[in-house]
């Protein structure tokens, strides 16, 4: 059960911050959730992309652990 929840958390991180990265690519002034990050546009874009990568890694880890336990096909 914990790997299912962890996989959901990873997917949510990935989706939310990927959408944010696309949003600031189209409209540089719309800073979204990470408007407080220093460094202007490049800093915010890198922060969004880093959090997308974290979401992918968390989701992949949870999926592989659940698969090793025989819960995934």
C-alpha atoms as a PDB file:
ATOM      1  CA  UNK A   1       0.000   0.000   0.000  1.00  0.00           C
ATOM      2  CA  UNK A   2       2.804   2.441   0.795  1.00  0.00           C
ATOM      3  CA  UNK A   3       4.324   1.992  -2.669  1.00  0.00           C
ATOM      4  CA  UNK A   4       0.960   2.759  -4.260  1.00  0.00           C
ATOM      5  CA  UNK A   5       0.768   6.014  -2.301  1.00  0.00           C
ATOM      6  CA  UNK A   6       4.378   6.837  -3.134  1.00  0.00           C
ATOM      7  CA  UNK A   7       3.713   6.233  -6.823  1.00  0.00           C
ATOM      8  CA  UNK A   8       0.732   8.590  -6.672  1.00  0.00           C
ATOM      9  CA  UNK A   9       2.859  11.266  -4.980  1.00  0.00           C
ATOM     10  CA  UNK A  10       5.500  10.910  -7.702  1.00  0.00           C
ATOM     11  CA  UNK A  11       2.897  11.203 -10.457  1.00  0.00           C
ATOM     12  CA  UNK A  12       1.338  14.290  -8.857  1.00  0.00           C
ATOM     13  CA  UNK A  13       4.743  15.974  -8.513  1.00  0.00           C
ATOM     14  CA  UNK A  14       5.551  15.188 -12.115  1.00  0.00           C
ATOM     15  CA  UNK A  15       2.252  16.451 -13.511  1.00  0.00           C
ATOM     16  CA  UNK A  16       2.007  19.634 -11.418  1.00  0.00           C
ATOM     17  CA  UNK A  17       5.551  20.808 -12.035  1.00  0.00           C
ATOM     18  CA  UNK A  18       5.623  19.785 -15.712  1.00  0.00           C
ATOM     19  CA  UNK A  19       2.514  21.910 -16.208  1.00  0.00           C
ATOM     20  CA  UNK A  20       4.252  24.745 -14.352  1.00  0.00           C
ATOM     21  CA  UNK A  21       7.338  24.430 -16.549  1.00  0.00           C
ATOM     22  CA  UNK A  22       5.227  24.648 -19.702  1.00  0.00           C
ATOM     23  CA  UNK A  23       3.342  27.612 -18.276  1.00  0.00           C
ATOM     24  CA  UNK A  24       6.476  29.650 -17.595  1.00  0.00           C
ATOM     25  CA  UNK A  25       7.930  28.711 -20.979  1.00  0.00           C
ATOM     26  CA  UNK A  26       4.882  30.247 -22.664  1.00  0.00           C
ATOM     27  CA  UNK A  27       4.423  33.193 -20.281  1.00  0.00           C
ATOM     28  CA  UNK A  28       7.585  34.195 -18.400  1.00  0.00           C
ATOM     29  CA  UNK A  29       5.683  36.507 -16.056  1.00  0.00           C
ATOM     30  CA  UNK A  30       3.340  33.778 -14.733  1.00  0.00           C
ATOM     31  CA  UNK A  31       5.600  32.335 -12.026  1.00  0.00           C
ATOM     32  CA  UNK A  32       3.081  29.969 -10.422  1.00  0.00           C
ATOM     33  CA  UNK A  33       3.940  27.938  -7.323  1.00  0.00           C
ATOM     34  CA  UNK A  34       7.661  28.625  -7.453  1.00  0.00           C
ATOM     35  CA  UNK A  35       7.527  32.398  -7.824  1.00  0.00           C
ATOM     36  CA  UNK A  36       9.673  32.784  -4.711  1.00  0.00           C
ATOM     37  CA  UNK A  37      12.664  30.948  -6.239  1.00  0.00           C
ATOM     38  CA  UNK A  38      15.560  33.347  -6.906  1.00  0.00           C
ATOM     39  CA  UNK A  39      17.299  33.504 -10.251  1.00  0.00           C
ATOM     40  CA  UNK A  40      14.509  34.806 -12.432  1.00  0.00           C
ATOM     41  CA  UNK A  41      13.257  32.781 -15.365  1.00  0.00           C
ATOM     42  CA  UNK A  42      16.184  30.313 -15.580  1.00  0.00           C
ATOM     43  CA  UNK A  43      16.104  29.594 -11.849  1.00  0.00           C
ATOM     44  CA  UNK A  44      12.369  28.955 -11.822  1.00  0.00           C
ATOM     45  CA  UNK A  45      12.507  26.791 -14.931  1.00  0.00           C
ATOM     46  CA  UNK A  46      15.337  24.686 -13.481  1.00  0.00           C
ATOM     47  CA  UNK A  47      13.441  24.331 -10.197  1.00  0.00           C
ATOM     48  CA  UNK A  48      10.344  23.106 -12.049  1.00  0.00           C
ATOM     49  CA  UNK A  49      12.372  20.658 -14.121  1.00  0.00           C
ATOM     50  CA  UNK A  50      14.223  19.386 -11.045  1.00  0.00           C
ATOM     51  CA  UNK A  51      10.921  18.704  -9.292  1.00  0.00           C
ATOM     52  CA  UNK A  52       9.618  16.917 -12.399  1.00  0.00           C
ATOM     53  CA  UNK A  53      12.715  14.705 -12.258  1.00  0.00           C
ATOM     54  CA  UNK A  54      12.141  14.052  -8.542  1.00  0.00           C
ATOM     55  CA  UNK A  55       8.560  13.014  -9.306  1.00  0.00           C
ATOM     56  CA  UNK A  56       9.724  10.643 -12.044  1.00  0.00           C
ATOM     57  CA  UNK A  57      12.350   9.104  -9.759  1.00  0.00           C
ATOM     58  CA  UNK A  58       9.908   8.651  -6.867  1.00  0.00           C
ATOM     59  CA  UNK A  59       7.280   7.097  -9.119  1.00  0.00           C
ATOM     60  CA  UNK A  60       9.787   4.805 -10.793  1.00  0.00           C
ATOM     61  CA  UNK A  61      11.244   3.702  -7.480  1.00  0.00           C
ATOM     62  CA  UNK A  62       7.806   2.933  -6.043  1.00  0.00           C
ATOM     63  CA  UNK A  63       6.805   1.019  -9.165  1.00  0.00           C
ATOM     64  CA  UNK A  64       9.974  -1.091  -9.167  1.00  0.00           C
ATOM     65  CA  UNK A  65       9.643  -1.875  -5.441  1.00  0.00           C
ATOM     66  CA  UNK A  66       5.995  -2.895  -5.864  1.00  0.00           C
ATOM     67  CA  UNK A  67       6.977  -5.028  -8.864  1.00  0.00           C
ATOM     68  CA  UNK A  68       9.719  -6.740  -6.852  1.00  0.00           C
ATOM     69  CA  UNK A  69       7.118  -7.607  -4.228  1.00  0.00           C
ATOM     70  CA  UNK A  70       4.923  -9.169  -6.906  1.00  0.00           C
ATOM     71  CA  UNK A  71       2.272  -6.439  -6.913  1.00  0.00           C
ATOM     72  CA  UNK A  72       2.859  -5.332 -10.506  1.00  0.00           C
ATOM     73  CA  UNK A  73       2.843  -7.363 -13.728  1.00  0.00           C
END
